[in-house]
Amino acid sequence: MHEIYSVAVFCGSRLGSRPEFAAAARDLGAGLANAGIRLVYGGGRTGMMGALADAVLDGGGTVLGVIPDFLTKLEVAHPGVTEMAIVDSMHDRKRRMAEEADAFVTLPGGIGTMDETIEIISWRQLRLHDKPIYICDIAGSAAPLVTAVDGMIAQGFAPPEARALFTVVNGVPALLDLLGRAPRGTGVTGARL
């Protein structure tokens, strides 16, 4: 089994309505730093994204932010990350994050977080990668995504095997345990991302 050296985390640019959400971002960031796992994320300084990046940095960890140029002009880029990659588009952002990561994690977030998560699950289904995908459930936050996928399966738009493309993990401690043990994916197995 190979170690995971770099994790892409998808999460909200807002903190959400429950204090557990921000606490989970901070706990994950501290845990990644402690484990020596590099954070790859969307490069923002606000919300869950900012809390996560700050916690990794506070713990002495390494952070790669990936942000489209137009968002830097809106002054949302985190000024203190280890490295900031400025890309041309949202699609380029997702591609670069996927290339840099050995695994993917979804924390609570909004439409953008859902978009990133669905796309990386779709790419796994298409055999563009075989890296683990973890949906970290915080206070029921994973339910909408799981319900959507289960609905697609029930209506015949996805095979039952689609549910095995990702793993729902209950809370940050269980997630950190899995990241420490999960085999690193074999990378791209089909077309280029």
N, C-alpha and C. Protein backbone atom coordinates (compact mmCIF):
# COMPACT_ATOMS: atom_id res chain seq x y z
N MET A 1 0.84 -1.19 0.00
CA MET A 1 0.00 0.00 0.00
C MET A 1 0.88 1.25 0.00
N HIS A 2 0.50 2.20 -0.82
CA HIS A 2 1.25 3.45 -0.92
C HIS A 2 0.61 4.51 -0.04
N GLU A 3 1.43 5.40 0.45
CA GLU A 3 0.90 6.50 1.24
C GLU A 3 0.26 7.54 0.33
N ILE A 4 -0.63 8.31 0.92
CA ILE A 4 -1.20 9.46 0.23
C ILE A 4 -0.38 10.67 0.64
N TYR A 5 0.18 11.34 -0.36
CA TYR A 5 1.04 12.49 -0.10
C TYR A 5 0.33 13.82 -0.30
N SER A 6 -0.74 13.80 -1.07
CA SER A 6 -1.40 15.05 -1.46
C SER A 6 -2.90 14.80 -1.61
N VAL A 7 -3.72 15.64 -0.97
CA VAL A 7 -5.17 15.45 -1.00
C VAL A 7 -5.84 16.72 -1.52
N ALA A 8 -6.70 16.55 -2.52
CA ALA A 8 -7.52 17.66 -2.99
C ALA A 8 -8.79 17.70 -2.16
N VAL A 9 -9.09 18.85 -1.59
CA VAL A 9 -10.29 19.01 -0.76
C VAL A 9 -11.21 20.00 -1.42
N PHE A 10 -12.45 19.58 -1.63
CA PHE A 10 -13.51 20.44 -2.15
C PHE A 10 -14.37 20.87 -0.97
N CYS A 11 -14.59 22.17 -0.83
CA CYS A 11 -15.41 22.67 0.28
C CYS A 11 -15.88 24.08 -0.01
N GLY A 12 -16.75 24.59 0.83
CA GLY A 12 -17.43 25.85 0.59
C GLY A 12 -16.58 27.09 0.77
N SER A 13 -16.93 28.12 0.02
CA SER A 13 -16.31 29.44 0.20
C SER A 13 -17.07 30.24 1.27
N ARG A 14 -18.08 29.61 1.85
CA ARG A 14 -18.80 30.14 3.01
C ARG A 14 -18.66 29.14 4.15
N LEU A 15 -18.94 29.59 5.37
CA LEU A 15 -18.81 28.71 6.52
C LEU A 15 -20.04 27.85 6.77
N GLY A 16 -21.16 28.17 6.14
CA GLY A 16 -22.36 27.40 6.38
C GLY A 16 -23.05 27.80 7.66
N SER A 17 -24.13 27.10 7.98
CA SER A 17 -25.01 27.50 9.07
C SER A 17 -24.71 26.83 10.41
N ARG A 18 -23.80 25.89 10.44
CA ARG A 18 -23.53 25.14 11.67
C ARG A 18 -22.06 25.28 12.07
N PRO A 19 -21.79 25.49 13.35
CA PRO A 19 -20.39 25.62 13.78
C PRO A 19 -19.57 24.36 13.54
N GLU A 20 -20.22 23.21 13.45
CA GLU A 20 -19.50 21.95 13.20
C GLU A 20 -18.77 21.97 11.86
N PHE A 21 -19.30 22.73 10.90
CA PHE A 21 -18.68 22.75 9.57
C PHE A 21 -17.29 23.38 9.63
N ALA A 22 -17.18 24.57 10.19
CA ALA A 22 -15.88 25.24 10.30
C ALA A 22 -14.93 24.44 11.18
N ALA A 23 -15.47 23.86 12.25
CA ALA A 23 -14.63 23.04 13.13
C ALA A 23 -14.05 21.85 12.37
N ALA A 24 -14.85 21.25 11.50
CA ALA A 24 -14.37 20.12 10.70
C ALA A 24 -13.26 20.56 9.75
N ALA A 25 -13.41 21.73 9.14
CA ALA A 25 -12.37 22.24 8.24
C ALA A 25 -11.07 22.45 9.00
N ARG A 26 -11.17 23.05 10.18
CA ARG A 26 -9.96 23.28 10.98
C ARG A 26 -9.34 21.95 11.44
N ASP A 27 -10.17 21.01 11.86
CA ASP A 27 -9.65 19.71 12.32
C ASP A 27 -8.98 18.95 11.17
N LEU A 28 -9.58 18.99 9.99
CA LEU A 28 -8.98 18.32 8.85
C LEU A 28 -7.65 18.98 8.50
N GLY A 29 -7.62 20.31 8.47
CA GLY A 29 -6.37 21.00 8.18
C GLY A 29 -5.27 20.65 9.15
N ALA A 30 -5.58 20.65 10.44
CA ALA A 30 -4.59 20.30 11.45
C ALA A 30 -4.12 18.86 11.27
N GLY A 31 -5.06 17.98 10.96
CA GLY A 31 -4.72 16.57 10.78
C GLY A 31 -3.85 16.33 9.56
N LEU A 32 -4.14 17.05 8.45
CA LEU A 32 -3.31 16.91 7.25
C LEU A 32 -1.89 17.39 7.54
N ALA A 33 -1.78 18.54 8.21
CA ALA A 33 -0.45 19.06 8.54
C ALA A 33 0.31 18.07 9.41
N ASN A 34 -0.37 17.53 10.41
CA ASN A 34 0.27 16.58 11.33
C ASN A 34 0.73 15.32 10.60
N ALA A 35 -0.04 14.90 9.60
CA ALA A 35 0.30 13.68 8.86
C ALA A 35 1.30 13.93 7.73
N GLY A 36 1.64 15.19 7.48
CA GLY A 36 2.56 15.51 6.39
C GLY A 36 1.94 15.35 5.02
N ILE A 37 0.61 15.50 4.94
CA ILE A 37 -0.10 15.39 3.67
C ILE A 37 -0.36 16.80 3.14
N ARG A 38 0.06 17.05 1.92
CA ARG A 38 -0.13 18.36 1.31
C ARG A 38 -1.60 18.58 0.96
N LEU A 39 -2.09 19.77 1.25
CA LEU A 39 -3.45 20.18 0.86
C LEU A 39 -3.40 20.80 -0.53
N VAL A 40 -4.29 20.33 -1.40
CA VAL A 40 -4.55 20.96 -2.69
C VAL A 40 -6.00 21.43 -2.62
N TYR A 41 -6.24 22.71 -2.83
CA TYR A 41 -7.61 23.21 -2.70
C TYR A 41 -7.80 24.39 -3.65
N GLY A 42 -8.98 24.97 -3.64
CA GLY A 42 -9.36 25.99 -4.60
C GLY A 42 -8.75 27.36 -4.43
N GLY A 43 -7.88 27.56 -3.44
CA GLY A 43 -7.12 28.79 -3.33
C GLY A 43 -7.79 29.95 -2.63
N GLY A 44 -9.01 29.76 -2.12
CA GLY A 44 -9.73 30.86 -1.50
C GLY A 44 -9.31 31.14 -0.06
N ARG A 45 -9.62 32.36 0.38
CA ARG A 45 -9.28 32.76 1.75
C ARG A 45 -10.50 32.84 2.66
N THR A 46 -11.70 32.61 2.11
CA THR A 46 -12.92 32.77 2.89
C THR A 46 -13.57 31.42 3.18
N GLY A 47 -14.48 31.42 4.13
CA GLY A 47 -15.32 30.27 4.41
C GLY A 47 -14.55 29.04 4.83
N MET A 48 -15.10 27.87 4.46
CA MET A 48 -14.49 26.59 4.77
C MET A 48 -13.09 26.51 4.16
N MET A 49 -12.96 27.04 2.93
CA MET A 49 -11.67 26.99 2.25
C MET A 49 -10.59 27.71 3.06
N GLY A 50 -10.90 28.89 3.52
CA GLY A 50 -9.93 29.66 4.29
C GLY A 50 -9.60 29.01 5.62
N ALA A 51 -10.62 28.51 6.31
CA ALA A 51 -10.40 27.84 7.60
C ALA A 51 -9.52 26.62 7.43
N LEU A 52 -9.76 25.86 6.38
CA LEU A 52 -8.97 24.66 6.10
C LEU A 52 -7.51 25.02 5.82
N ALA A 53 -7.30 25.95 4.89
CA ALA A 53 -5.94 26.34 4.53
C ALA A 53 -5.19 26.94 5.72
N ASP A 54 -5.87 27.80 6.47
CA ASP A 54 -5.22 28.40 7.65
C ASP A 54 -4.78 27.34 8.65
N ALA A 55 -5.61 26.33 8.85
CA ALA A 55 -5.27 25.28 9.82
C ALA A 55 -4.07 24.46 9.35
N VAL A 56 -4.00 24.17 8.04
CA VAL A 56 -2.83 23.45 7.53
C VAL A 56 -1.58 24.29 7.73
N LEU A 57 -1.66 25.57 7.36
CA LEU A 57 -0.51 26.46 7.50
C LEU A 57 -0.11 26.65 8.96
N ASP A 58 -1.09 26.81 9.85
CA ASP A 58 -0.81 26.96 11.28
C ASP A 58 -0.10 25.72 11.84
N GLY A 59 -0.39 24.57 11.25
CA GLY A 59 0.24 23.33 11.70
C GLY A 59 1.57 23.04 11.03
N GLY A 60 2.04 23.97 10.21
CA GLY A 60 3.33 23.79 9.54
C GLY A 60 3.25 22.96 8.27
N GLY A 61 2.03 22.78 7.75
CA GLY A 61 1.86 21.98 6.54
C GLY A 61 2.02 22.78 5.26
N THR A 62 1.88 22.08 4.15
CA THR A 62 2.06 22.64 2.81
C THR A 62 0.71 22.76 2.12
N VAL A 63 0.49 23.90 1.46
CA VAL A 63 -0.79 24.16 0.79
C VAL A 63 -0.55 24.64 -0.64
N LEU A 64 -1.17 23.94 -1.59
CA LEU A 64 -1.22 24.39 -2.98
C LEU A 64 -2.62 24.89 -3.26
N GLY A 65 -2.75 26.18 -3.54
CA GLY A 65 -4.02 26.74 -3.97
C GLY A 65 -4.07 26.77 -5.49
N VAL A 66 -5.22 26.46 -6.05
CA VAL A 66 -5.41 26.51 -7.50
C VAL A 66 -6.63 27.38 -7.76
N ILE A 67 -6.40 28.52 -8.41
CA ILE A 67 -7.49 29.49 -8.54
C ILE A 67 -7.50 30.08 -9.95
N PRO A 68 -8.68 30.24 -10.53
CA PRO A 68 -8.76 30.90 -11.83
C PRO A 68 -8.42 32.39 -11.71
N ASP A 69 -7.83 32.93 -12.74
CA ASP A 69 -7.41 34.32 -12.74
C ASP A 69 -8.54 35.28 -12.38
N PHE A 70 -9.75 35.03 -12.90
CA PHE A 70 -10.85 35.96 -12.65
C PHE A 70 -11.19 36.05 -11.16
N LEU A 71 -10.95 34.97 -10.40
CA LEU A 71 -11.23 35.02 -8.97
C LEU A 71 -10.16 35.79 -8.22
N THR A 72 -8.93 35.81 -8.72
CA THR A 72 -7.90 36.63 -8.07
C THR A 72 -8.25 38.11 -8.20
N LYS A 73 -8.92 38.46 -9.28
CA LYS A 73 -9.33 39.85 -9.49
C LYS A 73 -10.47 40.26 -8.56
N LEU A 74 -11.19 39.27 -8.05
CA LEU A 74 -12.25 39.54 -7.07
C LEU A 74 -11.70 39.54 -5.64
N GLU A 75 -10.39 39.41 -5.51
CA GLU A 75 -9.68 39.47 -4.23
C GLU A 75 -10.10 38.37 -3.26
N VAL A 76 -10.32 37.15 -3.77
CA VAL A 76 -10.66 36.05 -2.88
C VAL A 76 -9.51 35.07 -2.69
N ALA A 77 -8.38 35.28 -3.37
CA ALA A 77 -7.25 34.36 -3.25
C ALA A 77 -6.60 34.48 -1.87
N HIS A 78 -6.21 33.35 -1.32
CA HIS A 78 -5.54 33.32 -0.02
C HIS A 78 -4.11 33.84 -0.20
N PRO A 79 -3.70 34.85 0.56
CA PRO A 79 -2.38 35.44 0.35
C PRO A 79 -1.23 34.65 0.98
N GLY A 80 -1.52 33.66 1.83
CA GLY A 80 -0.45 33.04 2.59
C GLY A 80 -0.13 31.60 2.26
N VAL A 81 -0.72 31.05 1.19
CA VAL A 81 -0.48 29.63 0.90
C VAL A 81 0.96 29.40 0.45
N THR A 82 1.40 28.17 0.54
CA THR A 82 2.76 27.81 0.16
C THR A 82 3.00 28.08 -1.31
N GLU A 83 2.04 27.71 -2.13
CA GLU A 83 2.13 27.92 -3.58
C GLU A 83 0.73 28.22 -4.11
N MET A 84 0.63 29.17 -5.02
CA MET A 84 -0.65 29.49 -5.66
C MET A 84 -0.49 29.32 -7.16
N ALA A 85 -1.28 28.41 -7.73
CA ALA A 85 -1.30 28.22 -9.18
C ALA A 85 -2.49 28.99 -9.73
N ILE A 86 -2.23 29.94 -10.61
CA ILE A 86 -3.29 30.72 -11.23
C ILE A 86 -3.54 30.13 -12.61
N VAL A 87 -4.77 29.70 -12.83
CA VAL A 87 -5.15 29.03 -14.08
C VAL A 87 -6.17 29.86 -14.83
N ASP A 88 -6.48 29.44 -16.05
CA ASP A 88 -7.34 30.23 -16.92
C ASP A 88 -8.84 30.09 -16.63
N SER A 89 -9.27 28.91 -16.17
CA SER A 89 -10.71 28.68 -16.07
C SER A 89 -11.03 27.75 -14.91
N MET A 90 -12.32 27.63 -14.61
CA MET A 90 -12.77 26.70 -13.58
C MET A 90 -12.43 25.27 -13.98
N HIS A 91 -12.57 24.94 -15.26
CA HIS A 91 -12.23 23.59 -15.70
C HIS A 91 -10.75 23.31 -15.50
N ASP A 92 -9.89 24.29 -15.83
CA ASP A 92 -8.46 24.12 -15.62
C ASP A 92 -8.14 23.93 -14.14
N ARG A 93 -8.88 24.62 -13.29
CA ARG A 93 -8.70 24.47 -11.84
C ARG A 93 -8.96 23.03 -11.42
N LYS A 94 -10.09 22.47 -11.85
CA LYS A 94 -10.44 21.10 -11.47
C LYS A 94 -9.43 20.09 -12.03
N ARG A 95 -9.00 20.31 -13.26
CA ARG A 95 -8.02 19.41 -13.86
C ARG A 95 -6.70 19.44 -13.10
N ARG A 96 -6.22 20.64 -12.78
CA ARG A 96 -4.95 20.77 -12.06
C ARG A 96 -5.04 20.15 -10.67
N MET A 97 -6.15 20.39 -9.98
CA MET A 97 -6.32 19.79 -8.65
C MET A 97 -6.30 18.26 -8.75
N ALA A 98 -6.96 17.72 -9.77
CA ALA A 98 -7.00 16.27 -9.95
C ALA A 98 -5.62 15.71 -10.24
N GLU A 99 -4.85 16.42 -11.04
CA GLU A 99 -3.50 15.96 -11.37
C GLU A 99 -2.58 15.98 -10.15
N GLU A 100 -2.78 16.94 -9.26
CA GLU A 100 -1.89 17.12 -8.11
C GLU A 100 -2.23 16.21 -6.93
N ALA A 101 -3.40 15.59 -6.95
CA ALA A 101 -3.90 14.86 -5.78
C ALA A 101 -3.74 13.35 -5.89
N ASP A 102 -3.52 12.72 -4.75
CA ASP A 102 -3.53 11.26 -4.65
C ASP A 102 -4.89 10.75 -4.17
N ALA A 103 -5.71 11.64 -3.63
CA ALA A 103 -7.05 11.30 -3.14
C ALA A 103 -7.87 12.57 -3.11
N PHE A 104 -9.18 12.41 -3.00
CA PHE A 104 -10.10 13.55 -2.99
C PHE A 104 -11.00 13.47 -1.77
N VAL A 105 -11.26 14.64 -1.18
CA VAL A 105 -12.13 14.74 -0.02
C VAL A 105 -13.15 15.85 -0.27
N THR A 106 -14.39 15.59 0.07
CA THR A 106 -15.41 16.63 0.04
C THR A 106 -15.87 16.92 1.46
N LEU A 107 -15.77 18.19 1.83
CA LEU A 107 -16.35 18.71 3.07
C LEU A 107 -17.63 19.45 2.69
N PRO A 108 -18.41 19.91 3.67
CA PRO A 108 -19.62 20.66 3.34
C PRO A 108 -19.32 21.87 2.46
N GLY A 109 -20.26 22.16 1.57
CA GLY A 109 -20.12 23.29 0.67
C GLY A 109 -21.37 23.48 -0.17
N GLY A 110 -21.28 24.36 -1.12
CA GLY A 110 -22.43 24.73 -1.94
C GLY A 110 -22.39 24.11 -3.33
N ILE A 111 -22.90 24.87 -4.30
CA ILE A 111 -23.04 24.38 -5.67
C ILE A 111 -21.67 24.07 -6.28
N GLY A 112 -20.68 24.93 -6.04
CA GLY A 112 -19.35 24.67 -6.58
C GLY A 112 -18.74 23.40 -6.03
N THR A 113 -18.93 23.16 -4.74
CA THR A 113 -18.42 21.94 -4.11
C THR A 113 -19.12 20.72 -4.70
N MET A 114 -20.42 20.82 -4.91
CA MET A 114 -21.17 19.71 -5.52
C MET A 114 -20.67 19.45 -6.94
N ASP A 115 -20.43 20.53 -7.69
CA ASP A 115 -19.93 20.41 -9.06
C ASP A 115 -18.58 19.68 -9.08
N GLU A 116 -17.66 20.11 -8.24
CA GLU A 116 -16.33 19.49 -8.20
C GLU A 116 -16.43 18.01 -7.82
N THR A 117 -17.27 17.71 -6.85
CA THR A 117 -17.42 16.34 -6.38
C THR A 117 -18.02 15.44 -7.44
N ILE A 118 -19.10 15.90 -8.06
CA ILE A 118 -19.74 15.09 -9.10
C ILE A 118 -18.79 14.87 -10.27
N GLU A 119 -18.03 15.91 -10.64
CA GLU A 119 -17.11 15.74 -11.76
C GLU A 119 -16.02 14.72 -11.45
N ILE A 120 -15.46 14.76 -10.27
CA ILE A 120 -14.38 13.82 -9.96
C ILE A 120 -14.92 12.40 -9.82
N ILE A 121 -16.17 12.25 -9.36
CA ILE A 121 -16.82 10.93 -9.34
C ILE A 121 -17.05 10.46 -10.78
N SER A 122 -17.52 11.35 -11.62
CA SER A 122 -17.76 11.02 -13.03
C SER A 122 -16.46 10.58 -13.71
N TRP A 123 -15.38 11.31 -13.46
CA TRP A 123 -14.10 10.95 -14.06
C TRP A 123 -13.64 9.56 -13.60
N ARG A 124 -13.94 9.23 -12.35
CA ARG A 124 -13.59 7.88 -11.87
C ARG A 124 -14.44 6.82 -12.57
N GLN A 125 -15.72 7.11 -12.74
CA GLN A 125 -16.60 6.18 -13.43
C GLN A 125 -16.12 5.95 -14.87
N LEU A 126 -15.59 7.00 -15.50
CA LEU A 126 -15.08 6.91 -16.87
C LEU A 126 -13.66 6.34 -16.95
N ARG A 127 -13.12 5.97 -15.79
CA ARG A 127 -11.78 5.38 -15.68
C ARG A 127 -10.67 6.35 -16.09
N LEU A 128 -10.92 7.63 -15.84
CA LEU A 128 -9.89 8.64 -16.07
C LEU A 128 -8.92 8.70 -14.88
N HIS A 129 -9.34 8.18 -13.75
CA HIS A 129 -8.47 8.03 -12.58
C HIS A 129 -9.02 6.92 -11.72
N ASP A 130 -8.20 6.44 -10.80
CA ASP A 130 -8.64 5.43 -9.85
C ASP A 130 -8.16 5.81 -8.45
N LYS A 131 -8.37 7.07 -8.11
CA LYS A 131 -7.96 7.59 -6.81
C LYS A 131 -9.15 7.57 -5.87
N PRO A 132 -8.92 7.35 -4.58
CA PRO A 132 -10.05 7.31 -3.64
C PRO A 132 -10.74 8.66 -3.52
N ILE A 133 -12.06 8.60 -3.35
CA ILE A 133 -12.90 9.78 -3.17
C ILE A 133 -13.66 9.60 -1.86
N TYR A 134 -13.47 10.53 -0.93
CA TYR A 134 -14.12 10.46 0.37
C TYR A 134 -15.05 11.65 0.55
N ILE A 135 -16.30 11.36 0.88
CA ILE A 135 -17.27 12.39 1.23
C ILE A 135 -17.35 12.40 2.75
N CYS A 136 -16.86 13.47 3.36
CA CYS A 136 -16.82 13.54 4.82
C CYS A 136 -18.14 14.11 5.33
N ASP A 137 -18.92 13.26 5.96
CA ASP A 137 -20.23 13.67 6.48
C ASP A 137 -20.08 14.39 7.81
N ILE A 138 -20.50 15.65 7.81
CA ILE A 138 -20.49 16.46 9.02
C ILE A 138 -21.92 16.89 9.29
N ALA A 139 -22.50 16.41 10.36
CA ALA A 139 -23.86 16.78 10.75
C ALA A 139 -24.86 16.59 9.61
N GLY A 140 -24.73 15.48 8.89
CA GLY A 140 -25.68 15.16 7.83
C GLY A 140 -25.41 15.82 6.49
N SER A 141 -24.26 16.46 6.32
CA SER A 141 -23.98 17.21 5.10
C SER A 141 -23.88 16.35 3.85
N ALA A 142 -23.58 15.06 3.99
CA ALA A 142 -23.43 14.18 2.82
C ALA A 142 -24.77 13.71 2.26
N ALA A 143 -25.84 13.86 3.02
CA ALA A 143 -27.13 13.31 2.61
C ALA A 143 -27.62 13.78 1.25
N PRO A 144 -27.54 15.07 0.90
CA PRO A 144 -28.04 15.48 -0.42
C PRO A 144 -27.31 14.80 -1.58
N LEU A 145 -26.00 14.67 -1.48
CA LEU A 145 -25.25 14.02 -2.55
C LEU A 145 -25.60 12.55 -2.66
N VAL A 146 -25.63 11.86 -1.53
CA VAL A 146 -25.95 10.43 -1.54
C VAL A 146 -27.37 10.21 -2.07
N THR A 147 -28.29 11.05 -1.66
CA THR A 147 -29.67 10.95 -2.15
C THR A 147 -29.74 11.14 -3.66
N ALA A 148 -28.97 12.10 -4.19
CA ALA A 148 -28.96 12.33 -5.64
C ALA A 148 -28.43 11.12 -6.39
N VAL A 149 -27.32 10.56 -5.92
CA VAL A 149 -26.74 9.39 -6.59
C VAL A 149 -27.68 8.20 -6.48
N ASP A 150 -28.25 7.97 -5.29
CA ASP A 150 -29.20 6.86 -5.13
C ASP A 150 -30.41 7.04 -6.04
N GLY A 151 -30.85 8.29 -6.22
CA GLY A 151 -31.97 8.57 -7.12
C GLY A 151 -31.63 8.24 -8.57
N MET A 152 -30.41 8.57 -8.99
CA MET A 152 -29.98 8.25 -10.36
C MET A 152 -29.97 6.74 -10.57
N ILE A 153 -29.51 6.01 -9.56
CA ILE A 153 -29.48 4.55 -9.63
C ILE A 153 -30.90 4.00 -9.70
N ALA A 154 -31.77 4.50 -8.81
CA ALA A 154 -33.16 4.01 -8.75
C ALA A 154 -33.90 4.27 -10.06
N GLN A 155 -33.58 5.37 -10.74
CA GLN A 155 -34.27 5.72 -11.98
C GLN A 155 -33.59 5.14 -13.22
N GLY A 156 -32.54 4.35 -13.02
CA GLY A 156 -31.89 3.68 -14.13
C GLY A 156 -30.90 4.52 -14.91
N PHE A 157 -30.49 5.67 -14.38
CA PHE A 157 -29.54 6.52 -15.08
C PHE A 157 -28.09 6.25 -14.67
N ALA A 158 -27.90 5.45 -13.65
CA ALA A 158 -26.56 5.05 -13.22
C ALA A 158 -26.65 3.61 -12.74
N PRO A 159 -25.58 2.84 -12.93
CA PRO A 159 -25.60 1.46 -12.47
C PRO A 159 -25.43 1.41 -10.94
N PRO A 160 -25.87 0.32 -10.31
CA PRO A 160 -25.70 0.20 -8.86
C PRO A 160 -24.24 0.37 -8.42
N GLU A 161 -23.31 0.01 -9.30
CA GLU A 161 -21.88 0.13 -8.97
C GLU A 161 -21.45 1.59 -8.77
N ALA A 162 -22.24 2.53 -9.23
CA ALA A 162 -21.89 3.95 -9.09
C ALA A 162 -21.74 4.33 -7.62
N ARG A 163 -22.47 3.66 -6.76
CA ARG A 163 -22.41 3.97 -5.32
C ARG A 163 -21.05 3.61 -4.73
N ALA A 164 -20.31 2.70 -5.41
CA ALA A 164 -18.99 2.28 -4.92
C ALA A 164 -17.87 3.20 -5.43
N LEU A 165 -18.20 4.23 -6.20
CA LEU A 165 -17.17 5.13 -6.72
C LEU A 165 -16.63 6.08 -5.66
N PHE A 166 -17.35 6.22 -4.56
CA PHE A 166 -16.94 7.10 -3.46
C PHE A 166 -17.30 6.45 -2.14
N THR A 167 -16.68 6.94 -1.08
CA THR A 167 -16.92 6.42 0.27
C THR A 167 -17.39 7.55 1.16
N VAL A 168 -18.50 7.36 1.83
CA VAL A 168 -18.97 8.35 2.81
C VAL A 168 -18.32 8.00 4.14
N VAL A 169 -17.70 9.01 4.75
CA VAL A 169 -16.97 8.83 6.00
C VAL A 169 -17.61 9.71 7.06
N ASN A 170 -17.88 9.15 8.22
CA ASN A 170 -18.54 9.89 9.29
C ASN A 170 -17.52 10.65 10.14
N GLY A 171 -17.27 11.90 9.80
CA GLY A 171 -16.43 12.77 10.60
C GLY A 171 -14.96 12.76 10.23
N VAL A 172 -14.27 13.78 10.70
CA VAL A 172 -12.86 14.00 10.36
C VAL A 172 -11.93 12.94 10.95
N PRO A 173 -12.08 12.52 12.21
CA PRO A 173 -11.15 11.50 12.72
C PRO A 173 -11.15 10.22 11.87
N ALA A 174 -12.33 9.75 11.47
CA ALA A 174 -12.40 8.55 10.63
C ALA A 174 -11.77 8.81 9.26
N LEU A 175 -11.97 10.01 8.74
CA LEU A 175 -11.38 10.37 7.45
C LEU A 175 -9.86 10.37 7.53
N LEU A 176 -9.30 10.99 8.56
CA LEU A 176 -7.85 11.03 8.71
C LEU A 176 -7.27 9.63 8.85
N ASP A 177 -7.99 8.75 9.53
CA ASP A 177 -7.56 7.37 9.65
C ASP A 177 -7.50 6.71 8.28
N LEU A 178 -8.52 6.92 7.46
CA LEU A 178 -8.53 6.34 6.11
C LEU A 178 -7.42 6.92 5.24
N LEU A 179 -7.18 8.21 5.33
CA LEU A 179 -6.13 8.83 4.52
C LEU A 179 -4.77 8.27 4.87
N GLY A 180 -4.59 7.89 6.11
CA GLY A 180 -3.33 7.30 6.52
C GLY A 180 -3.12 5.89 6.02
N ARG A 181 -4.21 5.20 5.69
CA ARG A 181 -4.13 3.80 5.28
C ARG A 181 -4.47 3.56 3.82
N ALA A 182 -5.13 4.53 3.16
CA ALA A 182 -5.64 4.28 1.81
C ALA A 182 -4.51 4.12 0.81
N PRO A 183 -4.66 3.17 -0.10
CA PRO A 183 -3.66 3.05 -1.16
C PRO A 183 -3.78 4.24 -2.10
N ARG A 184 -2.66 4.72 -2.55
CA ARG A 184 -2.67 5.80 -3.51
C ARG A 184 -3.16 5.23 -4.83
N GLY A 185 -3.99 5.99 -5.55
CA GLY A 185 -4.52 5.54 -6.82
C GLY A 185 -3.43 5.29 -7.84
N THR A 186 -3.75 4.54 -8.85
CA THR A 186 -2.78 4.25 -9.89
C THR A 186 -2.71 5.35 -10.92
N GLY A 187 -3.49 6.40 -10.71
CA GLY A 187 -3.44 7.54 -11.63
C GLY A 187 -4.40 7.37 -12.78
N VAL A 188 -4.13 8.08 -13.84
CA VAL A 188 -5.01 8.07 -15.00
C VAL A 188 -4.91 6.71 -15.68
N THR A 189 -6.06 6.10 -15.92
CA THR A 189 -6.07 4.79 -16.56
C THR A 189 -6.68 4.84 -17.94
N GLY A 190 -7.20 5.97 -18.33
CA GLY A 190 -7.80 6.11 -19.65
C GLY A 190 -7.36 7.41 -20.29
N ALA A 191 -8.32 8.17 -20.77
CA ALA A 191 -8.02 9.44 -21.42
C ALA A 191 -7.47 10.43 -20.40
N ARG A 192 -6.79 11.42 -20.90
CA ARG A 192 -6.22 12.43 -20.04
C ARG A 192 -7.30 13.32 -19.43
N LEU A 193 -7.12 13.73 -18.17
CA LEU A 193 -8.09 14.59 -17.49
C LEU A 193 -8.11 15.97 -18.10
